[in-house]
Amino acid sequence: MTIDFISWLVFGALCLFAEFAIGTRYLIAIGFAFIYPSIASFLKAPTSIQLVALMAGITVHVLALKLKHKEARIAPPPEKTPDIGERVEVIEWIDEDAARVRYQGEEWQAEKLSMEMPCADHGVIQRVQYGRLFISTGEYPEKK
């Protein structure tokens, strides 16, 4: 019993479609590994060689995927957390109390601590909450 190369490609395509539904990334590696037994079948290799080509392809693809994810876990991107008391530059005021500000080269959303504070070109970080900065502007101290 031999499996023709179209059948191998169909099995690979089914794995790829299953990957789109599940999203584990492993089925995509397995789906692409079905190319190897398809090539072996096209070259008229026996079924045992086709199965060995499939197992070797799956092993190589899954190991490559694991190594790629391991490297991603080793070097996570550095997170910039704003420091309280640091100065920020106001890019633009969106409305009376909200602004886009620049801190360490990145843009942040910010709000004034109090509506009485003026809309200035600079501010000082007083609090950070859910990725949003609360700043004081002008000569006003922090209100608690």
N, C-alpha and C. Protein backbone atom coordinates (compact mmCIF):
# COMPACT_ATOMS: atom_id res chain seq x y z
N MET A 1 0.84 -1.17 0.00
CA MET A 1 0.00 0.00 0.00
C MET A 1 0.89 1.25 0.00
N THR A 2 0.72 2.08 -0.98
CA THR A 2 1.47 3.33 -1.04
C THR A 2 0.50 4.50 -1.01
N ILE A 3 0.98 5.59 -0.49
CA ILE A 3 0.17 6.81 -0.44
C ILE A 3 0.73 7.76 -1.47
N ASP A 4 -0.14 8.30 -2.31
CA ASP A 4 0.36 9.20 -3.36
C ASP A 4 0.66 10.59 -2.79
N PHE A 5 1.40 11.37 -3.54
CA PHE A 5 1.87 12.66 -3.02
C PHE A 5 0.74 13.66 -2.80
N ILE A 6 -0.36 13.55 -3.55
CA ILE A 6 -1.50 14.45 -3.35
C ILE A 6 -2.14 14.19 -1.98
N SER A 7 -2.22 12.93 -1.59
CA SER A 7 -2.79 12.61 -0.27
C SER A 7 -1.96 13.20 0.85
N TRP A 8 -0.63 13.13 0.75
CA TRP A 8 0.23 13.74 1.76
C TRP A 8 -0.01 15.24 1.84
N LEU A 9 -0.14 15.88 0.69
CA LEU A 9 -0.37 17.31 0.68
C LEU A 9 -1.73 17.66 1.28
N VAL A 10 -2.73 16.83 1.03
CA VAL A 10 -4.06 17.06 1.61
C VAL A 10 -3.99 16.92 3.14
N PHE A 11 -3.27 15.91 3.64
CA PHE A 11 -3.11 15.77 5.09
C PHE A 11 -2.42 17.00 5.68
N GLY A 12 -1.40 17.49 5.00
CA GLY A 12 -0.71 18.69 5.46
C GLY A 12 -1.63 19.90 5.47
N ALA A 13 -2.44 20.04 4.42
CA ALA A 13 -3.38 21.16 4.34
C ALA A 13 -4.42 21.06 5.46
N LEU A 14 -4.87 19.87 5.78
CA LEU A 14 -5.82 19.69 6.89
C LEU A 14 -5.20 20.12 8.22
N CYS A 15 -3.93 19.80 8.42
CA CYS A 15 -3.25 20.25 9.64
C CYS A 15 -3.16 21.77 9.68
N LEU A 16 -2.87 22.39 8.54
CA LEU A 16 -2.78 23.85 8.49
C LEU A 16 -4.13 24.48 8.79
N PHE A 17 -5.21 23.93 8.23
CA PHE A 17 -6.54 24.47 8.52
C PHE A 17 -6.91 24.27 9.99
N ALA A 18 -6.53 23.13 10.56
CA ALA A 18 -6.79 22.90 11.98
C ALA A 18 -6.00 23.90 12.83
N GLU A 19 -4.80 24.25 12.38
CA GLU A 19 -4.00 25.25 13.10
C GLU A 19 -4.71 26.60 13.15
N PHE A 20 -5.34 26.98 12.06
CA PHE A 20 -6.06 28.25 12.03
C PHE A 20 -7.22 28.25 13.02
N ALA A 21 -7.80 27.09 13.27
CA ALA A 21 -8.92 27.00 14.21
C ALA A 21 -8.43 26.93 15.65
N ILE A 22 -7.30 26.27 15.88
CA ILE A 22 -6.83 26.05 17.25
C ILE A 22 -5.81 27.10 17.68
N GLY A 23 -4.80 27.35 16.86
CA GLY A 23 -3.81 28.37 17.15
C GLY A 23 -2.71 27.97 18.10
N THR A 24 -2.21 26.72 18.04
CA THR A 24 -1.15 26.29 18.94
C THR A 24 0.24 26.44 18.34
N ARG A 25 0.35 26.68 17.07
CA ARG A 25 1.59 26.80 16.30
C ARG A 25 2.27 25.47 16.02
N TYR A 26 1.91 24.42 16.71
CA TYR A 26 2.54 23.13 16.47
C TYR A 26 1.94 22.45 15.24
N LEU A 27 0.65 22.64 15.03
CA LEU A 27 0.04 22.02 13.85
C LEU A 27 0.57 22.63 12.55
N ILE A 28 0.98 23.88 12.59
CA ILE A 28 1.55 24.47 11.39
C ILE A 28 2.90 23.82 11.07
N ALA A 29 3.68 23.50 12.10
CA ALA A 29 4.95 22.81 11.90
C ALA A 29 4.70 21.41 11.35
N ILE A 30 3.71 20.74 11.90
CA ILE A 30 3.39 19.39 11.42
C ILE A 30 2.84 19.45 10.00
N GLY A 31 2.00 20.44 9.72
CA GLY A 31 1.44 20.59 8.38
C GLY A 31 2.52 20.78 7.33
N PHE A 32 3.52 21.60 7.63
CA PHE A 32 4.61 21.79 6.68
C PHE A 32 5.50 20.55 6.57
N ALA A 33 5.55 19.74 7.62
CA ALA A 33 6.36 18.52 7.59
C ALA A 33 5.78 17.49 6.61
N PHE A 34 4.52 17.62 6.24
CA PHE A 34 3.93 16.69 5.28
C PHE A 34 4.47 16.90 3.87
N ILE A 35 5.24 17.95 3.65
CA ILE A 35 5.86 18.15 2.33
C ILE A 35 6.89 17.06 2.06
N TYR A 36 7.62 16.63 3.09
CA TYR A 36 8.69 15.65 2.91
C TYR A 36 8.20 14.28 2.45
N PRO A 37 7.17 13.69 3.06
CA PRO A 37 6.69 12.41 2.52
C PRO A 37 6.04 12.59 1.14
N SER A 38 5.51 13.77 0.89
CA SER A 38 4.94 14.02 -0.44
C SER A 38 6.03 13.96 -1.50
N ILE A 39 7.18 14.56 -1.20
CA ILE A 39 8.31 14.49 -2.14
C ILE A 39 8.80 13.06 -2.29
N ALA A 40 8.89 12.33 -1.16
CA ALA A 40 9.32 10.93 -1.22
C ALA A 40 8.35 10.10 -2.04
N SER A 41 7.07 10.36 -1.92
CA SER A 41 6.06 9.63 -2.70
C SER A 41 6.19 9.96 -4.18
N PHE A 42 6.44 11.22 -4.49
CA PHE A 42 6.61 11.63 -5.88
C PHE A 42 7.82 10.94 -6.52
N LEU A 43 8.84 10.68 -5.71
CA LEU A 43 10.04 9.99 -6.20
C LEU A 43 9.90 8.47 -6.14
N LYS A 44 8.69 7.98 -5.88
CA LYS A 44 8.35 6.55 -5.85
C LYS A 44 9.06 5.78 -4.73
N ALA A 45 9.29 6.42 -3.58
CA ALA A 45 9.88 5.75 -2.43
C ALA A 45 8.82 4.88 -1.76
N PRO A 46 9.23 3.80 -1.09
CA PRO A 46 8.25 2.96 -0.39
C PRO A 46 7.60 3.72 0.79
N THR A 47 6.50 3.17 1.24
CA THR A 47 5.73 3.81 2.31
C THR A 47 6.55 3.96 3.57
N SER A 48 7.41 3.00 3.88
CA SER A 48 8.22 3.11 5.10
C SER A 48 9.16 4.32 5.03
N ILE A 49 9.73 4.59 3.88
CA ILE A 49 10.59 5.77 3.70
C ILE A 49 9.76 7.05 3.81
N GLN A 50 8.55 7.02 3.29
CA GLN A 50 7.67 8.19 3.38
C GLN A 50 7.34 8.51 4.84
N LEU A 51 7.07 7.45 5.63
CA LEU A 51 6.77 7.65 7.04
C LEU A 51 7.99 8.14 7.81
N VAL A 52 9.16 7.65 7.47
CA VAL A 52 10.39 8.13 8.11
C VAL A 52 10.61 9.60 7.76
N ALA A 53 10.34 9.97 6.51
CA ALA A 53 10.47 11.37 6.09
C ALA A 53 9.49 12.25 6.87
N LEU A 54 8.28 11.75 7.09
CA LEU A 54 7.28 12.50 7.86
C LEU A 54 7.74 12.70 9.30
N MET A 55 8.20 11.63 9.95
CA MET A 55 8.63 11.72 11.35
C MET A 55 9.85 12.64 11.48
N ALA A 56 10.77 12.54 10.56
CA ALA A 56 11.96 13.41 10.60
C ALA A 56 11.55 14.87 10.41
N GLY A 57 10.65 15.10 9.47
CA GLY A 57 10.18 16.46 9.22
C GLY A 57 9.45 17.05 10.42
N ILE A 58 8.59 16.25 11.04
CA ILE A 58 7.87 16.72 12.23
C ILE A 58 8.86 17.04 13.35
N THR A 59 9.82 16.16 13.55
CA THR A 59 10.81 16.37 14.61
C THR A 59 11.59 17.66 14.40
N VAL A 60 12.08 17.86 13.19
CA VAL A 60 12.87 19.06 12.89
C VAL A 60 12.03 20.32 13.03
N HIS A 61 10.84 20.32 12.49
CA HIS A 61 9.99 21.51 12.54
C HIS A 61 9.57 21.85 13.97
N VAL A 62 9.18 20.87 14.75
CA VAL A 62 8.74 21.13 16.13
C VAL A 62 9.92 21.58 16.99
N LEU A 63 11.10 20.96 16.81
CA LEU A 63 12.26 21.40 17.57
C LEU A 63 12.66 22.82 17.21
N ALA A 64 12.60 23.16 15.94
CA ALA A 64 12.91 24.53 15.52
C ALA A 64 11.92 25.52 16.14
N LEU A 65 10.65 25.15 16.19
CA LEU A 65 9.64 26.01 16.80
C LEU A 65 9.89 26.18 18.29
N LYS A 66 10.24 25.08 18.99
CA LYS A 66 10.53 25.17 20.42
C LYS A 66 11.76 26.04 20.68
N LEU A 67 12.79 25.90 19.87
CA LEU A 67 13.99 26.72 20.05
C LEU A 67 13.69 28.20 19.82
N LYS A 68 12.86 28.48 18.84
CA LYS A 68 12.50 29.86 18.57
C LYS A 68 11.75 30.47 19.75
N HIS A 69 10.83 29.72 20.34
CA HIS A 69 10.06 30.23 21.47
C HIS A 69 10.92 30.31 22.73
N LYS A 70 11.90 29.42 22.87
CA LYS A 70 12.79 29.48 24.02
C LYS A 70 13.63 30.74 23.97
N GLU A 71 14.12 31.11 22.79
CA GLU A 71 14.91 32.33 22.64
C GLU A 71 14.05 33.55 22.93
N ALA A 72 12.79 33.52 22.54
CA ALA A 72 11.90 34.65 22.80
C ALA A 72 11.66 34.81 24.30
N ARG A 73 11.60 33.71 25.04
CA ARG A 73 11.38 33.79 26.48
C ARG A 73 12.64 34.24 27.23
N ILE A 74 13.81 33.94 26.68
CA ILE A 74 15.04 34.31 27.35
C ILE A 74 15.24 35.82 27.35
N ALA A 75 14.97 36.45 26.24
CA ALA A 75 15.22 37.89 26.12
C ALA A 75 13.92 38.66 25.92
N PRO A 76 13.15 38.87 26.99
CA PRO A 76 11.93 39.65 26.83
C PRO A 76 12.26 41.12 26.58
N PRO A 77 11.40 41.81 25.87
CA PRO A 77 11.68 43.23 25.64
C PRO A 77 11.61 44.01 26.95
N PRO A 78 12.51 44.96 27.11
CA PRO A 78 12.48 45.72 28.37
C PRO A 78 11.23 46.58 28.46
N GLU A 79 10.65 46.59 29.62
CA GLU A 79 9.45 47.39 29.84
C GLU A 79 9.87 48.71 30.47
N LYS A 80 9.38 49.78 29.92
CA LYS A 80 9.66 51.08 30.49
C LYS A 80 8.52 51.43 31.43
N THR A 81 8.86 51.58 32.68
CA THR A 81 7.85 52.00 33.66
C THR A 81 8.17 53.42 34.08
N PRO A 82 7.21 54.26 34.04
CA PRO A 82 7.44 55.66 34.40
C PRO A 82 7.80 55.81 35.87
N ASP A 83 8.69 56.72 36.14
CA ASP A 83 9.11 57.00 37.51
C ASP A 83 8.36 58.23 38.03
N ILE A 84 7.83 58.10 39.21
CA ILE A 84 7.13 59.22 39.83
C ILE A 84 8.14 60.32 40.13
N GLY A 85 7.75 61.55 39.81
CA GLY A 85 8.62 62.69 40.01
C GLY A 85 9.42 63.07 38.78
N GLU A 86 9.38 62.25 37.74
CA GLU A 86 10.10 62.56 36.50
C GLU A 86 9.30 63.56 35.67
N ARG A 87 10.01 64.31 34.89
CA ARG A 87 9.40 65.35 34.06
C ARG A 87 9.01 64.78 32.70
N VAL A 88 7.87 65.21 32.16
CA VAL A 88 7.41 64.79 30.83
C VAL A 88 7.18 66.03 29.97
N GLU A 89 7.30 65.84 28.67
CA GLU A 89 7.04 66.92 27.71
C GLU A 89 5.65 66.72 27.12
N VAL A 90 4.84 67.74 27.14
CA VAL A 90 3.48 67.65 26.59
C VAL A 90 3.56 67.86 25.08
N ILE A 91 3.05 66.87 24.32
CA ILE A 91 3.02 66.97 22.86
C ILE A 91 1.82 67.80 22.44
N GLU A 92 0.64 67.41 22.96
CA GLU A 92 -0.58 68.18 22.67
C GLU A 92 -1.62 67.90 23.74
N TRP A 93 -2.46 68.89 23.96
CA TRP A 93 -3.58 68.74 24.88
C TRP A 93 -4.78 68.28 24.08
N ILE A 94 -5.35 67.15 24.46
CA ILE A 94 -6.50 66.59 23.76
C ILE A 94 -7.77 67.33 24.17
N ASP A 95 -7.90 67.57 25.46
CA ASP A 95 -9.00 68.39 25.98
C ASP A 95 -8.50 69.09 27.24
N GLU A 96 -9.37 69.57 28.09
CA GLU A 96 -8.97 70.37 29.26
C GLU A 96 -8.08 69.61 30.25
N ASP A 97 -8.27 68.29 30.35
CA ASP A 97 -7.48 67.57 31.36
C ASP A 97 -6.70 66.38 30.81
N ALA A 98 -6.77 66.09 29.53
CA ALA A 98 -6.06 64.95 28.94
C ALA A 98 -5.06 65.43 27.90
N ALA A 99 -3.92 64.75 27.85
CA ALA A 99 -2.87 65.16 26.92
C ALA A 99 -2.08 63.93 26.44
N ARG A 100 -1.38 64.12 25.33
CA ARG A 100 -0.38 63.15 24.88
C ARG A 100 0.96 63.72 25.31
N VAL A 101 1.75 62.90 26.01
CA VAL A 101 3.04 63.37 26.50
C VAL A 101 4.16 62.45 26.03
N ARG A 102 5.39 62.96 26.06
CA ARG A 102 6.55 62.16 25.70
C ARG A 102 7.38 61.95 26.96
N TYR A 103 7.66 60.64 27.23
CA TYR A 103 8.48 60.27 28.38
C TYR A 103 9.47 59.22 27.90
N GLN A 104 10.74 59.46 28.03
CA GLN A 104 11.82 58.57 27.61
C GLN A 104 11.66 58.14 26.15
N GLY A 105 11.28 59.07 25.29
CA GLY A 105 11.19 58.81 23.87
C GLY A 105 9.91 58.12 23.42
N GLU A 106 9.00 57.81 24.32
CA GLU A 106 7.74 57.15 23.97
C GLU A 106 6.56 58.06 24.29
N GLU A 107 5.48 57.86 23.54
CA GLU A 107 4.27 58.65 23.79
C GLU A 107 3.38 57.93 24.79
N TRP A 108 2.79 58.72 25.70
CA TRP A 108 1.89 58.21 26.73
C TRP A 108 0.64 59.08 26.77
N GLN A 109 -0.42 58.52 27.29
CA GLN A 109 -1.63 59.28 27.59
C GLN A 109 -1.49 59.79 29.01
N ALA A 110 -1.86 61.04 29.24
CA ALA A 110 -1.74 61.61 30.58
C ALA A 110 -2.96 62.44 30.91
N GLU A 111 -3.21 62.57 32.20
CA GLU A 111 -4.29 63.42 32.70
C GLU A 111 -3.73 64.31 33.78
N LYS A 112 -4.31 65.51 33.90
CA LYS A 112 -3.93 66.39 34.99
C LYS A 112 -4.56 65.87 36.28
N LEU A 113 -3.86 66.09 37.38
CA LEU A 113 -4.41 65.68 38.67
C LEU A 113 -5.62 66.51 39.05
N SER A 114 -5.63 67.77 38.62
CA SER A 114 -6.71 68.67 38.98
C SER A 114 -7.04 69.57 37.80
N MET A 115 -8.30 69.88 37.63
CA MET A 115 -8.73 70.76 36.54
C MET A 115 -8.19 72.17 36.71
N GLU A 116 -7.84 72.56 37.95
CA GLU A 116 -7.34 73.91 38.20
C GLU A 116 -5.93 74.12 37.66
N MET A 117 -5.22 73.04 37.38
CA MET A 117 -3.85 73.17 36.88
C MET A 117 -3.86 73.71 35.46
N PRO A 118 -2.88 74.55 35.12
CA PRO A 118 -2.85 75.11 33.77
C PRO A 118 -2.38 74.07 32.74
N CYS A 119 -2.70 74.30 31.48
CA CYS A 119 -2.23 73.46 30.38
C CYS A 119 -0.83 73.94 30.00
N ALA A 120 0.20 73.30 30.53
CA ALA A 120 1.58 73.73 30.34
C ALA A 120 2.28 72.85 29.30
N ASP A 121 3.51 73.23 28.95
CA ASP A 121 4.31 72.47 27.99
C ASP A 121 5.02 71.29 28.63
N HIS A 122 5.12 71.28 29.97
CA HIS A 122 5.77 70.21 30.70
C HIS A 122 4.94 69.85 31.92
N GLY A 123 5.19 68.67 32.44
CA GLY A 123 4.50 68.23 33.64
C GLY A 123 5.40 67.30 34.42
N VAL A 124 4.96 66.93 35.61
CA VAL A 124 5.70 66.02 36.48
C VAL A 124 4.79 64.85 36.80
N ILE A 125 5.31 63.63 36.64
CA ILE A 125 4.52 62.42 36.90
C ILE A 125 4.26 62.31 38.40
N GLN A 126 2.99 62.20 38.76
CA GLN A 126 2.60 62.06 40.15
C GLN A 126 2.09 60.66 40.47
N ARG A 127 1.51 60.01 39.46
CA ARG A 127 0.91 58.68 39.67
C ARG A 127 0.80 57.98 38.33
N VAL A 128 0.88 56.64 38.34
CA VAL A 128 0.69 55.82 37.15
C VAL A 128 -0.41 54.81 37.46
N GLN A 129 -1.41 54.76 36.59
CA GLN A 129 -2.52 53.85 36.82
C GLN A 129 -2.98 53.28 35.49
N TYR A 130 -2.90 51.96 35.33
CA TYR A 130 -3.34 51.25 34.13
C TYR A 130 -2.69 51.82 32.87
N GLY A 131 -1.39 52.11 32.92
CA GLY A 131 -0.68 52.60 31.76
C GLY A 131 -0.97 54.05 31.41
N ARG A 132 -1.63 54.76 32.28
CA ARG A 132 -1.94 56.17 32.07
C ARG A 132 -1.23 56.99 33.14
N LEU A 133 -0.63 58.09 32.72
CA LEU A 133 0.10 58.95 33.65
C LEU A 133 -0.81 60.02 34.20
N PHE A 134 -0.64 60.34 35.45
CA PHE A 134 -1.32 61.46 36.07
C PHE A 134 -0.23 62.46 36.42
N ILE A 135 -0.35 63.66 35.85
CA ILE A 135 0.72 64.63 35.98
C ILE A 135 0.23 65.90 36.67
N SER A 136 1.18 66.61 37.26
CA SER A 136 0.90 67.94 37.77
C SER A 136 1.59 68.92 36.85
N THR A 137 0.96 70.04 36.61
CA THR A 137 1.53 71.07 35.74
C THR A 137 1.61 72.38 36.51
N GLY A 138 2.43 73.26 36.07
CA GLY A 138 2.53 74.57 36.70
C GLY A 138 3.12 74.48 38.09
N GLU A 139 2.65 75.33 38.97
CA GLU A 139 3.18 75.45 40.34
C GLU A 139 2.34 74.68 41.35
N TYR A 140 1.41 73.86 40.88
CA TYR A 140 0.49 73.20 41.81
C TYR A 140 1.10 71.92 42.37
N PRO A 141 1.04 71.69 43.66
CA PRO A 141 1.53 70.43 44.26
C PRO A 141 0.52 69.31 44.02
N GLU A 142 0.95 68.12 44.31
CA GLU A 142 0.08 66.94 44.15
C GLU A 142 -1.08 67.02 45.12
N LYS A 143 -2.30 66.69 44.65
CA LYS A 143 -3.47 66.62 45.52
C LYS A 143 -3.81 65.17 45.74
N LYS A 144 -4.03 64.79 46.99
CA LYS A 144 -4.33 63.39 47.29
C LYS A 144 -5.79 63.17 47.54
